[in-house]
Amino acid sequence: MQGYFPLLITLVVAVILPIAILVIVKVLSPSVPSDVKYAPYECGLTVTSEAREKFSVKYYLIAVIFLVFDVETVFLMPWAIQMKELAIFGLVEMGFFLFLLLFGYGYVWSKGALSWE
């Protein structure tokens, strides 16, 4: 049982510490509710419209396309670091990877997903 004593201490601290922090914050923080505090803040401007306005699907499509291509290009860094060790095999694989990436980019472009109207 001596081997489990540090685990027990960690578990006790993990349970008690967040509860203690929440209690301390609740006791020490000032609470002065007002209408200004609960009003939405829009860059110093008063709110003139509903917060739930509809966005075009193209907005989300371009965001997803950006994420896909951005994350895919992250794979270039490890390849560049290990380029000497991978030799011709790594070059062929990365060429195929870049071909697929550019093919996908061309497909998205040909479908008109990148044109903002």
N, C-alpha and C. Protein backbone atom coordinates (compact mmCIF):
# COMPACT_ATOMS: atom_id res chain seq x y z
N MET A 1 0.81 -1.21 0.00
CA MET A 1 0.00 0.00 0.00
C MET A 1 0.84 1.26 0.00
N GLN A 2 2.12 1.18 0.38
CA GLN A 2 2.97 2.38 0.42
C GLN A 2 3.17 2.95 -0.98
N GLY A 3 3.12 2.10 -2.00
CA GLY A 3 3.30 2.60 -3.37
C GLY A 3 2.12 3.43 -3.85
N TYR A 4 0.96 3.25 -3.25
CA TYR A 4 -0.23 3.98 -3.65
C TYR A 4 -0.42 5.28 -2.88
N PHE A 5 0.39 5.54 -1.88
CA PHE A 5 0.24 6.76 -1.08
C PHE A 5 0.45 8.03 -1.91
N PRO A 6 1.48 8.13 -2.77
CA PRO A 6 1.61 9.34 -3.61
C PRO A 6 0.42 9.52 -4.56
N LEU A 7 -0.13 8.41 -5.05
CA LEU A 7 -1.31 8.50 -5.91
C LEU A 7 -2.51 9.03 -5.14
N LEU A 8 -2.65 8.60 -3.90
CA LEU A 8 -3.74 9.09 -3.06
C LEU A 8 -3.60 10.58 -2.78
N ILE A 9 -2.38 11.03 -2.50
CA ILE A 9 -2.14 12.46 -2.27
C ILE A 9 -2.47 13.26 -3.53
N THR A 10 -2.05 12.77 -4.68
CA THR A 10 -2.34 13.47 -5.94
C THR A 10 -3.84 13.55 -6.18
N LEU A 11 -4.55 12.47 -5.91
CA LEU A 11 -5.99 12.45 -6.09
C LEU A 11 -6.69 13.43 -5.15
N VAL A 12 -6.26 13.48 -3.91
CA VAL A 12 -6.85 14.40 -2.93
C VAL A 12 -6.60 15.85 -3.35
N VAL A 13 -5.37 16.15 -3.77
CA VAL A 13 -5.05 17.52 -4.21
C VAL A 13 -5.84 17.87 -5.47
N ALA A 14 -6.00 16.91 -6.38
CA ALA A 14 -6.74 17.16 -7.62
C ALA A 14 -8.21 17.41 -7.36
N VAL A 15 -8.75 16.90 -6.29
CA VAL A 15 -10.15 17.14 -5.96
C VAL A 15 -10.32 18.40 -5.13
N ILE A 16 -9.47 18.60 -4.15
CA ILE A 16 -9.63 19.72 -3.21
C ILE A 16 -9.20 21.05 -3.82
N LEU A 17 -8.12 21.08 -4.59
CA LEU A 17 -7.60 22.35 -5.11
C LEU A 17 -8.60 23.09 -5.99
N PRO A 18 -9.23 22.47 -6.99
CA PRO A 18 -10.21 23.23 -7.79
C PRO A 18 -11.39 23.72 -6.96
N ILE A 19 -11.85 22.91 -6.04
CA ILE A 19 -12.97 23.33 -5.18
C ILE A 19 -12.56 24.52 -4.33
N ALA A 20 -11.35 24.48 -3.77
CA ALA A 20 -10.86 25.59 -2.94
C ALA A 20 -10.71 26.86 -3.77
N ILE A 21 -10.21 26.74 -4.98
CA ILE A 21 -10.04 27.92 -5.84
C ILE A 21 -11.41 28.52 -6.17
N LEU A 22 -12.39 27.69 -6.50
CA LEU A 22 -13.72 28.21 -6.81
C LEU A 22 -14.36 28.90 -5.61
N VAL A 23 -14.19 28.35 -4.44
CA VAL A 23 -14.74 28.96 -3.23
C VAL A 23 -14.06 30.29 -2.95
N ILE A 24 -12.73 30.35 -3.06
CA ILE A 24 -12.00 31.60 -2.81
C ILE A 24 -12.41 32.68 -3.80
N VAL A 25 -12.55 32.31 -5.08
CA VAL A 25 -12.96 33.30 -6.09
C VAL A 25 -14.37 33.80 -5.80
N LYS A 26 -15.26 32.91 -5.42
CA LYS A 26 -16.64 33.31 -5.14
C LYS A 26 -16.70 34.26 -3.94
N VAL A 27 -15.87 34.02 -2.93
CA VAL A 27 -15.89 34.84 -1.72
C VAL A 27 -15.23 36.20 -1.97
N LEU A 28 -14.12 36.21 -2.69
CA LEU A 28 -13.34 37.44 -2.83
C LEU A 28 -13.77 38.34 -4.00
N SER A 29 -14.42 37.78 -5.01
CA SER A 29 -14.74 38.60 -6.18
C SER A 29 -15.96 39.48 -5.90
N PRO A 30 -15.90 40.72 -6.38
CA PRO A 30 -17.05 41.61 -6.18
C PRO A 30 -18.18 41.21 -7.14
N SER A 31 -19.39 41.33 -6.67
CA SER A 31 -20.54 41.00 -7.49
C SER A 31 -21.50 42.19 -7.50
N VAL A 32 -21.41 42.99 -8.55
CA VAL A 32 -22.27 44.15 -8.70
C VAL A 32 -22.97 44.04 -10.05
N PRO A 33 -24.08 43.31 -10.13
CA PRO A 33 -24.76 43.15 -11.42
C PRO A 33 -25.39 44.45 -11.88
N SER A 34 -25.33 44.68 -13.17
CA SER A 34 -25.97 45.86 -13.75
C SER A 34 -26.35 45.54 -15.19
N ASP A 35 -27.18 46.40 -15.77
CA ASP A 35 -27.60 46.19 -17.16
C ASP A 35 -26.43 46.34 -18.12
N VAL A 36 -25.51 47.23 -17.82
CA VAL A 36 -24.36 47.44 -18.68
C VAL A 36 -23.45 46.21 -18.69
N LYS A 37 -23.31 45.58 -17.55
CA LYS A 37 -22.45 44.40 -17.46
C LYS A 37 -23.01 43.24 -18.28
N TYR A 38 -24.31 43.09 -18.35
CA TYR A 38 -24.92 41.99 -19.07
C TYR A 38 -25.23 42.30 -20.53
N ALA A 39 -24.97 43.52 -20.97
CA ALA A 39 -25.21 43.88 -22.36
C ALA A 39 -24.10 43.31 -23.24
N PRO A 40 -24.42 42.84 -24.45
CA PRO A 40 -23.37 42.34 -25.35
C PRO A 40 -22.47 43.48 -25.81
N TYR A 41 -21.19 43.19 -25.93
CA TYR A 41 -20.22 44.21 -26.32
C TYR A 41 -19.85 43.98 -27.77
N GLU A 42 -20.08 44.97 -28.60
CA GLU A 42 -19.77 44.89 -30.02
C GLU A 42 -18.83 46.02 -30.40
N CYS A 43 -17.60 45.94 -30.00
CA CYS A 43 -16.57 46.91 -30.37
C CYS A 43 -16.96 48.34 -29.99
N GLY A 44 -17.64 48.51 -28.89
CA GLY A 44 -18.01 49.84 -28.44
C GLY A 44 -19.27 50.37 -29.06
N LEU A 45 -19.87 49.63 -29.99
CA LEU A 45 -21.08 50.08 -30.66
C LEU A 45 -22.30 49.45 -30.00
N THR A 46 -23.39 50.15 -30.07
CA THR A 46 -24.62 49.56 -29.55
C THR A 46 -25.13 48.50 -30.52
N VAL A 47 -25.74 47.48 -29.99
CA VAL A 47 -26.23 46.38 -30.81
C VAL A 47 -27.45 46.84 -31.58
N THR A 48 -27.44 46.62 -32.90
CA THR A 48 -28.55 47.07 -33.73
C THR A 48 -29.30 45.92 -34.38
N SER A 49 -28.73 44.72 -34.36
CA SER A 49 -29.39 43.60 -35.03
C SER A 49 -29.32 42.35 -34.16
N GLU A 50 -29.98 41.32 -34.62
CA GLU A 50 -29.98 40.04 -33.93
C GLU A 50 -28.62 39.37 -34.06
N ALA A 51 -28.21 38.69 -33.03
CA ALA A 51 -26.89 38.05 -33.04
C ALA A 51 -26.87 36.81 -33.94
N ARG A 52 -28.00 36.25 -34.24
CA ARG A 52 -28.08 35.02 -35.03
C ARG A 52 -28.37 35.33 -36.49
N GLU A 53 -27.48 36.02 -37.16
CA GLU A 53 -27.69 36.26 -38.58
C GLU A 53 -27.08 35.11 -39.38
N LYS A 54 -27.64 34.86 -40.53
CA LYS A 54 -27.23 33.74 -41.35
C LYS A 54 -26.02 34.12 -42.21
N PHE A 55 -25.04 33.22 -42.23
CA PHE A 55 -23.87 33.40 -43.08
C PHE A 55 -24.02 32.49 -44.29
N SER A 56 -23.35 32.88 -45.35
CA SER A 56 -23.34 32.06 -46.55
C SER A 56 -22.57 30.77 -46.28
N VAL A 57 -22.99 29.71 -46.94
CA VAL A 57 -22.31 28.43 -46.80
C VAL A 57 -20.89 28.53 -47.33
N LYS A 58 -20.67 29.40 -48.30
CA LYS A 58 -19.32 29.57 -48.87
C LYS A 58 -18.32 30.06 -47.82
N TYR A 59 -18.79 30.80 -46.86
CA TYR A 59 -17.91 31.25 -45.78
C TYR A 59 -17.33 30.05 -45.03
N TYR A 60 -18.19 29.12 -44.69
CA TYR A 60 -17.74 27.93 -43.96
C TYR A 60 -16.93 27.02 -44.87
N LEU A 61 -17.31 26.93 -46.12
CA LEU A 61 -16.59 26.09 -47.07
C LEU A 61 -15.15 26.58 -47.26
N ILE A 62 -14.98 27.87 -47.39
CA ILE A 62 -13.63 28.42 -47.53
C ILE A 62 -12.84 28.22 -46.25
N ALA A 63 -13.47 28.33 -45.10
CA ALA A 63 -12.78 28.10 -43.83
C ALA A 63 -12.31 26.66 -43.72
N VAL A 64 -13.15 25.70 -44.10
CA VAL A 64 -12.76 24.29 -44.04
C VAL A 64 -11.67 23.99 -45.05
N ILE A 65 -11.78 24.55 -46.25
CA ILE A 65 -10.74 24.33 -47.26
C ILE A 65 -9.41 24.90 -46.78
N PHE A 66 -9.44 26.08 -46.18
CA PHE A 66 -8.22 26.66 -45.65
C PHE A 66 -7.60 25.75 -44.59
N LEU A 67 -8.43 25.23 -43.68
CA LEU A 67 -7.91 24.34 -42.64
C LEU A 67 -7.31 23.08 -43.23
N VAL A 68 -7.97 22.49 -44.21
CA VAL A 68 -7.46 21.26 -44.81
C VAL A 68 -6.11 21.51 -45.46
N PHE A 69 -6.00 22.54 -46.27
CA PHE A 69 -4.74 22.80 -46.95
C PHE A 69 -3.66 23.27 -45.98
N ASP A 70 -4.05 23.98 -44.95
CA ASP A 70 -3.08 24.45 -43.97
C ASP A 70 -2.51 23.28 -43.17
N VAL A 71 -3.38 22.38 -42.74
CA VAL A 71 -2.93 21.22 -41.97
C VAL A 71 -2.10 20.29 -42.85
N GLU A 72 -2.48 20.14 -44.10
CA GLU A 72 -1.73 19.27 -45.00
C GLU A 72 -0.31 19.79 -45.23
N THR A 73 -0.15 21.09 -45.29
CA THR A 73 1.20 21.63 -45.52
C THR A 73 2.10 21.48 -44.30
N VAL A 74 1.52 21.20 -43.14
CA VAL A 74 2.33 20.95 -41.95
C VAL A 74 3.17 19.69 -42.14
N PHE A 75 2.72 18.77 -42.97
CA PHE A 75 3.46 17.54 -43.22
C PHE A 75 4.75 17.79 -44.00
N LEU A 76 4.90 18.97 -44.57
CA LEU A 76 6.13 19.27 -45.31
C LEU A 76 7.33 19.46 -44.38
N MET A 77 7.11 19.92 -43.17
CA MET A 77 8.23 20.19 -42.26
C MET A 77 8.98 18.93 -41.84
N PRO A 78 8.30 17.87 -41.36
CA PRO A 78 9.05 16.66 -41.02
C PRO A 78 9.76 16.06 -42.22
N TRP A 79 9.16 16.16 -43.39
CA TRP A 79 9.81 15.65 -44.59
C TRP A 79 11.08 16.44 -44.88
N ALA A 80 11.01 17.75 -44.74
CA ALA A 80 12.18 18.58 -45.00
C ALA A 80 13.30 18.27 -44.01
N ILE A 81 12.95 17.96 -42.78
CA ILE A 81 13.97 17.64 -41.77
C ILE A 81 14.62 16.30 -42.07
N GLN A 82 13.85 15.32 -42.49
CA GLN A 82 14.36 13.96 -42.74
C GLN A 82 14.68 13.71 -44.20
N MET A 83 14.82 14.75 -45.00
CA MET A 83 14.98 14.59 -46.44
C MET A 83 16.21 13.76 -46.81
N LYS A 84 17.33 13.97 -46.13
CA LYS A 84 18.55 13.23 -46.48
C LYS A 84 18.41 11.75 -46.17
N GLU A 85 17.74 11.41 -45.09
CA GLU A 85 17.58 10.01 -44.71
C GLU A 85 16.55 9.29 -45.58
N LEU A 86 15.54 9.99 -46.04
CA LEU A 86 14.51 9.37 -46.86
C LEU A 86 14.94 9.18 -48.31
N ALA A 87 15.86 9.99 -48.75
CA ALA A 87 16.44 9.91 -50.09
C ALA A 87 15.37 9.94 -51.17
N ILE A 88 15.51 9.11 -52.18
CA ILE A 88 14.62 9.15 -53.34
C ILE A 88 13.21 8.68 -52.99
N PHE A 89 13.08 7.74 -52.05
CA PHE A 89 11.76 7.27 -51.63
C PHE A 89 10.96 8.42 -51.04
N GLY A 90 11.57 9.21 -50.18
CA GLY A 90 10.88 10.36 -49.58
C GLY A 90 10.52 11.40 -50.61
N LEU A 91 11.40 11.59 -51.59
CA LEU A 91 11.12 12.57 -52.64
C LEU A 91 9.91 12.14 -53.48
N VAL A 92 9.86 10.86 -53.82
CA VAL A 92 8.73 10.35 -54.61
C VAL A 92 7.43 10.44 -53.81
N GLU A 93 7.48 10.04 -52.55
CA GLU A 93 6.28 10.10 -51.71
C GLU A 93 5.79 11.53 -51.52
N MET A 94 6.72 12.46 -51.30
CA MET A 94 6.31 13.86 -51.11
C MET A 94 5.82 14.45 -52.42
N GLY A 95 6.40 14.03 -53.53
CA GLY A 95 5.89 14.48 -54.83
C GLY A 95 4.47 14.02 -55.05
N PHE A 96 4.18 12.76 -54.70
CA PHE A 96 2.82 12.24 -54.82
C PHE A 96 1.87 12.97 -53.89
N PHE A 97 2.34 13.23 -52.68
CA PHE A 97 1.53 13.97 -51.70
C PHE A 97 1.20 15.38 -52.23
N LEU A 98 2.20 16.06 -52.75
CA LEU A 98 1.97 17.41 -53.28
C LEU A 98 1.08 17.38 -54.53
N PHE A 99 1.24 16.32 -55.34
CA PHE A 99 0.36 16.19 -56.49
C PHE A 99 -1.09 16.06 -56.05
N LEU A 100 -1.36 15.22 -55.05
CA LEU A 100 -2.72 15.08 -54.54
C LEU A 100 -3.24 16.38 -53.94
N LEU A 101 -2.37 17.09 -53.26
CA LEU A 101 -2.76 18.37 -52.66
C LEU A 101 -3.12 19.38 -53.75
N LEU A 102 -2.29 19.47 -54.78
CA LEU A 102 -2.57 20.41 -55.87
C LEU A 102 -3.77 19.96 -56.69
N PHE A 103 -3.96 18.65 -56.84
CA PHE A 103 -5.14 18.15 -57.53
C PHE A 103 -6.41 18.56 -56.78
N GLY A 104 -6.40 18.41 -55.46
CA GLY A 104 -7.54 18.83 -54.66
C GLY A 104 -7.79 20.32 -54.75
N TYR A 105 -6.70 21.09 -54.75
CA TYR A 105 -6.83 22.55 -54.88
C TYR A 105 -7.43 22.91 -56.23
N GLY A 106 -6.96 22.24 -57.29
CA GLY A 106 -7.51 22.49 -58.63
C GLY A 106 -8.98 22.11 -58.73
N TYR A 107 -9.35 21.00 -58.09
CA TYR A 107 -10.75 20.57 -58.10
C TYR A 107 -11.63 21.60 -57.40
N VAL A 108 -11.18 22.06 -56.24
CA VAL A 108 -11.94 23.06 -55.49
C VAL A 108 -12.05 24.35 -56.30
N TRP A 109 -10.99 24.73 -56.96
CA TRP A 109 -10.98 25.94 -57.77
C TRP A 109 -11.92 25.79 -58.97
N SER A 110 -11.89 24.61 -59.61
CA SER A 110 -12.74 24.40 -60.79
C SER A 110 -14.21 24.39 -60.42
N LYS A 111 -14.55 23.98 -59.23
CA LYS A 111 -15.95 23.99 -58.78
C LYS A 111 -16.42 25.37 -58.36
N GLY A 112 -15.50 26.33 -58.30
CA GLY A 112 -15.86 27.70 -57.94
C GLY A 112 -16.01 27.95 -56.46
N ALA A 113 -15.44 27.05 -55.65
CA ALA A 113 -15.58 27.20 -54.20
C ALA A 113 -14.75 28.37 -53.67
N LEU A 114 -13.75 28.79 -54.41
CA LEU A 114 -12.88 29.88 -53.93
C LEU A 114 -13.33 31.26 -54.42
N SER A 115 -14.33 31.32 -55.27
CA SER A 115 -14.81 32.62 -55.73
C SER A 115 -15.81 33.17 -54.73
N TRP A 116 -15.53 34.35 -54.25
CA TRP A 116 -16.38 34.99 -53.25
C TRP A 116 -17.33 35.94 -53.95
N GLU A 117 -18.62 35.72 -53.76
CA GLU A 117 -19.61 36.54 -54.45
C GLU A 117 -20.32 37.46 -53.51
